[in-house]
Protein backbone atom coordinates (compact mmCIF):
# COMPACT_ATOMS: atom_id res chain seq x y z
CA MET A 1 63.88 45.78 117.65
CA SER A 2 66.85 47.52 116.09
CA LYS A 3 69.54 48.89 118.39
CA LEU A 4 69.48 52.27 116.62
CA PHE A 5 65.87 52.80 117.65
CA THR A 6 66.16 51.74 121.28
CA PRO A 7 66.14 54.51 123.94
CA LEU A 8 69.38 55.85 125.39
CA LYS A 9 69.68 57.46 128.80
CA LEU A 10 72.10 60.37 129.29
CA ALA A 11 72.02 61.38 132.97
CA ASP A 12 68.23 61.43 133.59
CA LEU A 13 67.39 62.42 130.01
CA GLU A 14 66.01 59.51 128.00
CA LEU A 15 66.41 59.84 124.26
CA PRO A 16 63.80 57.97 122.20
CA ASN A 17 66.48 56.63 119.85
CA ARG A 18 70.23 56.78 119.25
CA VAL A 19 70.35 59.12 116.27
CA ILE A 20 71.93 62.45 117.22
CA VAL A 21 71.92 65.61 115.12
CA ALA A 22 75.50 66.83 115.56
CA PRO A 23 76.20 70.54 116.11
CA MET A 24 76.97 72.28 112.81
CA CYS A 25 77.99 75.93 112.47
CA MET A 26 75.78 77.90 110.09
CA TYR A 27 77.72 81.20 110.34
CA SER A 28 74.42 83.08 110.13
CA ALA A 29 74.20 84.92 113.44
CA GLU A 30 74.34 88.71 113.83
CA HIS A 31 76.73 89.87 116.57
CA GLY A 32 76.28 86.48 118.20
CA LYS A 33 72.49 86.59 118.04
CA MET A 34 70.53 83.80 116.38
CA THR A 35 68.32 84.92 113.50
CA ASP A 36 65.29 83.72 111.54
CA TRP A 37 67.68 81.44 109.65
CA HIS A 38 68.06 79.38 112.82
CA ILE A 39 64.29 79.09 113.25
CA GLN A 40 64.07 77.64 109.75
CA HIS A 41 67.17 75.45 110.07
CA LEU A 42 66.57 74.04 113.54
CA GLY A 43 62.85 73.80 112.92
CA SER A 44 63.54 71.49 109.98
CA LEU A 45 66.01 69.36 111.93
CA SER A 46 63.61 69.13 114.88
CA GLN A 47 61.27 67.15 112.58
CA SER A 48 64.05 64.73 111.58
CA GLY A 49 62.99 61.90 113.87
CA ALA A 50 66.38 61.97 115.64
CA GLY A 51 66.69 61.31 119.36
CA MET A 52 68.44 64.62 120.15
CA LEU A 53 69.33 67.85 118.36
CA ILE A 54 72.49 69.73 119.40
CA ILE A 55 72.68 73.44 118.56
CA GLU A 56 75.83 74.56 116.79
CA ALA A 57 78.95 75.74 118.63
CA SER A 58 77.91 78.79 120.63
CA ALA A 59 80.74 81.04 121.75
CA VAL A 60 81.05 81.88 125.44
CA GLU A 61 82.58 85.29 124.65
CA PRO A 62 82.77 87.44 121.50
CA GLN A 63 86.46 86.73 120.80
CA GLY A 64 85.70 83.02 121.07
CA ARG A 65 83.71 82.99 117.82
CA ILE A 66 85.14 81.18 114.84
CA SER A 67 83.71 83.88 112.58
CA TYR A 68 81.70 87.07 112.83
CA GLY A 69 78.68 84.93 111.90
CA ASP A 70 78.91 82.58 114.89
CA VAL A 71 76.18 82.09 117.47
CA GLY A 72 76.99 83.26 120.98
CA LEU A 73 75.62 82.78 124.47
CA TRP A 74 77.49 85.41 126.45
CA ASP A 75 75.00 88.17 127.35
CA ASP A 76 71.31 88.96 127.68
CA LEU A 77 70.91 89.78 123.99
CA THR A 78 72.40 86.51 122.73
CA GLU A 79 70.41 84.59 125.35
CA GLN A 80 67.16 86.29 124.31
CA ALA A 81 67.83 85.58 120.63
CA MET A 82 68.43 81.90 121.34
CA GLY A 83 65.32 81.84 123.52
CA ARG A 84 63.22 83.20 120.66
CA VAL A 85 64.44 80.44 118.35
CA LEU A 86 63.89 77.75 120.96
CA GLU A 87 60.36 78.97 121.64
CA SER A 88 59.51 78.72 117.95
CA VAL A 89 61.07 75.28 117.47
CA ARG A 90 59.56 73.81 120.63
CA ARG A 91 56.08 74.93 119.65
CA TYR A 92 55.94 72.11 117.12
CA SER A 93 58.47 69.54 118.37
CA ASP A 94 59.37 67.84 121.63
CA ILE A 95 62.81 66.65 120.50
CA PRO A 96 65.44 67.04 123.27
CA ILE A 97 67.66 70.00 122.42
CA GLY A 98 71.20 70.56 123.65
CA VAL A 99 73.74 73.27 122.95
CA GLN A 100 77.44 72.99 122.24
CA LEU A 101 79.46 75.61 124.15
CA GLY A 102 82.84 76.52 122.74
CA HIS A 103 85.69 78.93 122.23
CA ALA A 104 87.69 79.01 119.01
CA GLY A 105 90.96 80.25 120.52
CA ARG A 106 93.58 80.73 117.79
CA LYS A 107 91.07 79.53 115.13
CA ALA A 108 88.84 82.56 115.76
CA SER A 109 88.46 85.73 113.66
CA CYS A 110 87.88 83.86 110.40
CA GLU A 111 85.78 84.46 107.31
CA VAL A 112 82.60 82.41 106.93
CA SER A 113 83.09 79.01 105.33
CA TRP A 114 81.54 79.78 101.94
CA LYS A 115 83.92 82.71 101.56
CA GLY A 116 86.98 80.57 102.16
CA GLY A 117 87.25 80.59 105.97
CA ALA A 118 90.65 82.35 106.06
CA GLN A 119 91.73 84.29 109.11
CA ILE A 120 90.70 87.95 109.14
CA ASP A 121 93.31 90.48 110.22
CA PRO A 122 92.61 91.79 113.73
CA ASN A 123 92.72 95.36 112.40
CA HIS A 124 89.89 94.65 109.95
CA GLU A 125 86.41 95.71 111.07
CA LEU A 126 85.27 92.07 111.01
CA GLY A 127 88.36 90.67 112.78
CA TRP A 128 89.87 90.65 116.26
CA GLN A 129 92.95 89.51 118.14
CA THR A 130 92.88 85.81 118.98
CA ILE A 131 94.09 84.06 122.15
CA ALA A 132 95.49 80.57 122.72
CA PRO A 133 97.55 78.54 125.19
CA SER A 134 100.71 79.62 123.34
CA ASP A 135 101.49 82.22 120.68
CA ILE A 136 101.61 79.69 117.83
CA PRO A 137 99.43 80.50 114.81
CA VAL A 138 97.42 77.84 112.99
CA ASN A 139 98.93 78.66 109.59
CA LYS A 140 102.10 80.38 108.47
CA GLY A 141 101.24 83.99 107.79
CA ASP A 142 98.35 84.15 110.27
CA THR A 143 98.47 86.76 113.01
CA PRO A 144 99.85 84.90 116.04
CA PRO A 145 97.45 84.53 118.98
CA LEU A 146 98.25 86.09 122.32
CA ALA A 147 99.41 83.49 124.84
CA MET A 148 96.83 83.41 127.61
CA THR A 149 97.79 84.56 131.08
CA LEU A 150 96.48 82.75 134.14
CA GLU A 151 93.99 85.60 134.49
CA ASP A 152 92.82 84.99 130.91
CA ILE A 153 92.34 81.31 131.67
CA GLU A 154 90.23 82.09 134.72
CA ALA A 155 88.15 84.58 132.72
CA VAL A 156 87.40 82.05 129.97
CA LYS A 157 86.46 79.39 132.53
CA THR A 158 84.10 81.90 134.14
CA ASN A 159 82.55 82.62 130.76
CA PHE A 160 81.95 78.91 130.09
CA VAL A 161 80.17 78.66 133.43
CA SER A 162 78.13 81.79 132.75
CA ALA A 163 77.05 80.42 129.36
CA ALA A 164 76.01 77.15 131.04
CA GLN A 165 73.88 79.11 133.49
CA ARG A 166 72.20 80.86 130.57
CA ALA A 167 71.62 77.48 128.92
CA ALA A 168 69.94 76.30 132.11
CA LYS A 169 67.71 79.39 132.18
CA LEU A 170 66.66 78.65 128.60
CA GLY A 171 65.61 75.15 129.64
CA LEU A 172 68.02 73.42 127.30
CA ASP A 173 68.11 69.67 127.83
CA ALA A 174 71.86 69.12 127.55
CA ILE A 175 75.24 70.82 127.18
CA GLU A 176 78.06 69.56 124.99
CA ILE A 177 81.48 71.09 125.63
CA HIS A 178 83.45 71.65 122.42
CA GLY A 179 86.86 70.11 122.98
CA ALA A 180 87.47 69.11 119.37
CA HIS A 181 88.55 70.29 115.91
CA GLY A 182 91.46 72.47 116.93
CA TYR A 183 89.49 74.96 119.00
CA LEU A 184 90.61 76.35 122.36
CA LEU A 185 90.11 73.33 124.61
CA HIS A 186 91.74 71.06 122.03
CA GLN A 187 94.59 73.60 121.76
CA PHE A 188 95.29 73.13 125.47
CA LEU A 189 95.27 69.34 125.08
CA SER A 190 97.65 69.05 122.14
CA PRO A 191 101.41 69.41 122.60
CA LEU A 192 101.53 70.85 119.07
CA SER A 193 99.65 73.99 120.17
CA ASN A 194 100.37 74.02 123.90
CA ARG A 195 103.99 74.90 124.73
CA ARG A 196 103.30 76.34 128.17
CA ASP A 197 105.66 75.73 131.09
CA ASP A 198 103.16 76.35 133.89
CA GLU A 199 100.44 74.16 135.44
CA TYR A 200 98.49 74.20 132.14
CA GLY A 201 101.28 72.85 129.92
CA GLY A 202 103.89 70.15 129.61
CA SER A 203 102.65 66.89 131.12
CA LEU A 204 99.42 65.20 130.06
CA GLU A 205 97.95 65.97 133.47
CA ASN A 206 98.72 69.67 133.02
CA ARG A 207 97.42 69.82 129.43
CA MET A 208 94.14 68.19 130.52
CA ARG A 209 93.70 70.58 133.45
CA PHE A 210 91.85 73.37 131.59
CA VAL A 211 89.37 70.97 129.97
CA LEU A 212 88.63 69.23 133.27
CA GLU A 213 88.20 72.53 135.10
CA VAL A 214 85.79 73.79 132.44
CA PHE A 215 83.81 70.56 132.73
CA GLU A 216 83.69 70.75 136.52
CA GLY A 217 82.56 74.38 136.45
CA ILE A 218 79.75 73.66 134.01
CA ARG A 219 78.67 70.47 135.77
CA GLU A 220 78.36 72.40 139.04
CA VAL A 221 75.87 74.95 137.68
CA PHE A 222 73.85 72.94 135.13
CA PRO A 223 70.95 70.90 136.57
CA LYS A 224 72.37 67.59 137.79
CA GLU A 225 69.58 65.57 136.15
CA LYS A 226 70.54 66.94 132.73
CA PRO A 227 73.55 65.66 130.76
CA VAL A 228 76.82 67.49 130.30
CA GLY A 229 78.93 65.78 127.65
CA ILE A 230 81.97 66.66 125.59
CA ARG A 231 83.12 66.39 122.00
CA ILE A 232 86.79 65.64 121.45
CA SER A 233 89.18 65.06 118.60
CA ALA A 234 90.62 61.68 119.48
CA SER A 235 93.70 62.28 117.32
CA ASP A 236 95.50 65.17 115.65
CA TRP A 237 96.61 62.71 112.94
CA VAL A 238 100.10 64.20 113.30
CA ASP A 239 103.12 62.49 114.84
CA GLY A 240 103.87 63.96 118.25
CA GLY A 241 100.39 65.43 118.61
CA TRP A 242 97.30 64.55 120.61
CA ASP A 243 96.49 60.87 120.08
CA ILE A 244 94.17 58.04 121.04
CA ALA A 245 96.21 56.99 124.11
CA GLN A 246 95.92 60.49 125.57
CA SER A 247 92.24 60.65 124.59
CA ILE A 248 91.59 57.48 126.58
CA GLU A 249 93.18 59.03 129.67
CA LEU A 250 91.07 62.17 129.22
CA ALA A 251 87.92 60.09 128.78
CA LYS A 252 88.64 58.17 131.99
CA ALA A 253 89.22 61.41 133.90
CA LEU A 254 85.96 62.84 132.58
CA GLU A 255 84.04 59.68 133.46
CA GLU A 256 85.38 59.86 137.02
CA ARG A 257 84.00 63.41 137.24
CA GLY A 258 80.52 62.44 136.08
CA CYS A 259 80.63 63.30 132.39
CA SER A 260 77.42 62.12 130.71
CA TYR A 261 78.87 61.14 127.32
CA ILE A 262 81.83 61.59 125.00
CA HIS A 263 81.33 62.44 121.32
CA VAL A 264 84.38 61.17 119.40
CA SER A 265 85.57 63.09 116.34
CA SER A 266 89.16 63.80 115.22
CA GLY A 267 91.52 66.25 113.54
CA GLY A 268 91.22 69.97 112.97
CA LEU A 269 94.26 71.17 114.89
CA SER A 270 97.07 71.09 112.33
CA ALA A 271 97.39 71.61 108.58
CA ALA A 272 99.91 68.73 108.68
CA GLN A 273 97.22 66.19 109.56
CA LYS A 274 97.12 63.08 107.38
CA ILE A 275 93.72 61.39 107.52
CA ASP A 276 92.71 58.33 105.55
CA ILE A 277 89.08 59.36 105.07
CA GLY A 278 86.48 56.71 104.30
CA PRO A 279 83.18 55.40 105.67
CA GLY A 280 83.29 55.37 109.47
CA TYR A 281 86.94 56.47 109.50
CA GLN A 282 86.76 57.61 113.15
CA LEU A 283 85.08 54.47 114.46
CA LYS A 284 88.31 52.84 115.60
CA CYS A 285 88.91 55.79 117.94
CA ALA A 286 85.37 55.63 119.34
CA HIS A 287 85.66 51.87 119.87
CA GLN A 288 89.00 52.11 121.66
CA ILE A 289 87.67 54.80 123.99
CA LYS A 290 84.49 52.85 124.69
CA ALA A 291 86.51 49.73 125.51
CA ALA A 292 88.47 51.68 128.15
CA LEU A 293 85.44 53.12 129.94
CA GLU A 294 83.20 51.70 132.64
CA GLN A 295 79.84 52.96 131.40
CA MET A 296 80.00 56.49 129.97
CA PRO A 297 78.17 56.44 126.60
CA VAL A 298 80.21 57.03 123.46
CA ILE A 299 78.81 58.81 120.40
CA ALA A 300 80.39 57.93 117.05
CA VAL A 301 80.48 60.38 114.15
CA GLY A 302 82.11 60.72 110.73
CA LEU A 303 80.92 59.41 107.35
CA ILE A 304 78.23 57.22 108.86
CA THR A 305 75.60 57.50 106.14
CA ASP A 306 73.64 54.24 105.94
CA ALA A 307 71.08 52.86 108.40
CA HIS A 308 72.49 49.34 108.31
CA GLN A 309 76.01 50.72 108.81
CA ALA A 310 74.79 52.64 111.88
CA GLU A 311 72.96 49.59 113.21
CA SER A 312 76.04 47.39 112.80
CA ILE A 313 78.20 49.89 114.71
CA LEU A 314 75.86 49.76 117.69
CA ILE A 315 75.30 46.00 117.64
CA SER A 316 79.05 45.38 117.52
CA GLY A 317 79.55 47.59 120.58
CA GLN A 318 81.77 50.16 118.90
CA ALA A 319 79.60 53.01 120.15
CA ASP A 320 76.33 53.74 121.95
CA ALA A 321 74.87 56.35 119.58
CA ILE A 322 75.40 57.73 116.09
CA ALA A 323 75.77 61.42 115.27
CA LEU A 324 75.15 62.83 111.81
CA ALA A 325 76.24 66.21 110.49
CA ARG A 326 76.60 66.75 106.74
CA GLY A 327 74.54 63.63 106.12
CA ILE A 328 71.51 65.04 107.88
CA LEU A 329 71.91 68.40 106.17
CA TYR A 330 71.66 66.50 102.89
CA ASP A 331 68.78 64.34 104.10
CA PRO A 332 66.89 66.01 106.98
CA ARG A 333 64.60 62.96 107.18
CA TRP A 334 67.50 60.51 107.57
CA ALA A 335 66.00 58.97 110.72
CA TRP A 336 62.66 58.40 108.95
CA HIS A 337 64.44 56.54 106.17
CA ALA A 338 66.58 54.61 108.66
CA ALA A 339 63.46 53.54 110.53
CA ALA A 340 61.89 52.33 107.29
CA ALA A 341 65.03 50.39 106.37
CA LEU A 342 65.24 48.73 109.79
CA GLY A 343 61.52 48.04 110.21
CA GLU A 344 61.12 50.61 112.96
CA HIS A 345 58.95 53.67 113.65
CA VAL A 346 59.28 57.41 114.15
CA THR A 347 56.73 59.86 115.48
CA PRO A 348 56.41 62.88 113.17
CA ALA A 349 54.34 65.99 113.64
CA PRO A 350 50.72 65.13 112.76
CA GLN A 351 50.88 67.45 109.76
CA TYR A 352 53.25 64.93 108.14
CA LEU A 353 51.28 61.75 108.73
CA ARG A 354 49.76 61.63 105.27
CA CYS A 355 53.17 61.62 103.56
CA ALA A 356 53.94 57.96 104.39
CA PRO A 357 54.40 56.04 101.14
CA HIS A 358 51.88 53.27 100.53
CA ASN A 359 54.53 50.61 101.03
CA ALA A 360 55.60 52.01 104.42
CA LYS A 361 52.27 52.72 106.10
CA ASP A 362 53.57 51.29 109.37
CA LEU A 363 56.58 53.66 109.51
CA PHE A 364 54.84 56.28 111.64
CA ASN A 365 53.66 56.02 115.20
CA ALA A 366 50.45 58.02 114.80
């Protein structure tokens, strides 16, 4: 049996295989509310054959959205909209579904990606004032964020916890905390964006404090049998920034607190980043973190596109699961094709059974 198609246990949730659909922003919500687009999009991905589907970054408060098109989970209306989508998707699929909870911090108030993604002025009808650990903008010329007060920090932590409670009410199977790609939690971690001189800045212990407190708050209110994991950027790819050594210390601290998994990405905090992009370019980070942990599962992501490549990563012990983002947008049946390539099986909806090619009749578990 291939490693990619063996089950993986996260807390008490057993995934049927180790292919994860990574959270990907679609910028197609209305005032934070999911729309029919999400029924179509997530419905398609729910038939992918993957072991788990993670809903895109969902803001815990309106000013935490990356763009005006971001999904939210901060009030009854956004919760009801997500519930409607989940009800539709679950009618035809039993894939485990998680949600990524996040806050964009200084990277909020931006245009949607296909319109360039630039920051929108806070005085524009589609923009708002951003917040961050320190008043340092992402790019020269951007409106600087407001440095968060201790009261602001407490309010955002409360909103993460509230969103987790809503996720529990919706029956979601997992929560992933967004601590990557230059968004608010990552901004607290990195010395490039965090210049505070209080208990949330300066030393590594202080810069990790906000992330750990958010995790602890969410873990306390989300059902203990269900996983709470985190996605991090293991490196800023900038000298003097957040790096792999600090990521290992964060991973150890999270494991001690009962974190269910760590999803290892990188970059996104600084325009000065220098990344040598190629197949599996983030694997070294995932492997180093995994080697430092006792047992917390590590999810690898980033230009992993081939079934045999994914299988090799798992067999060699570099990671415990493989996440796909752009690759599964391009090929929403990636896991079917991976199963065929590795001599394994997937279980599709019965409506799809007759589509098996004649030379792969054994691909499907009927």
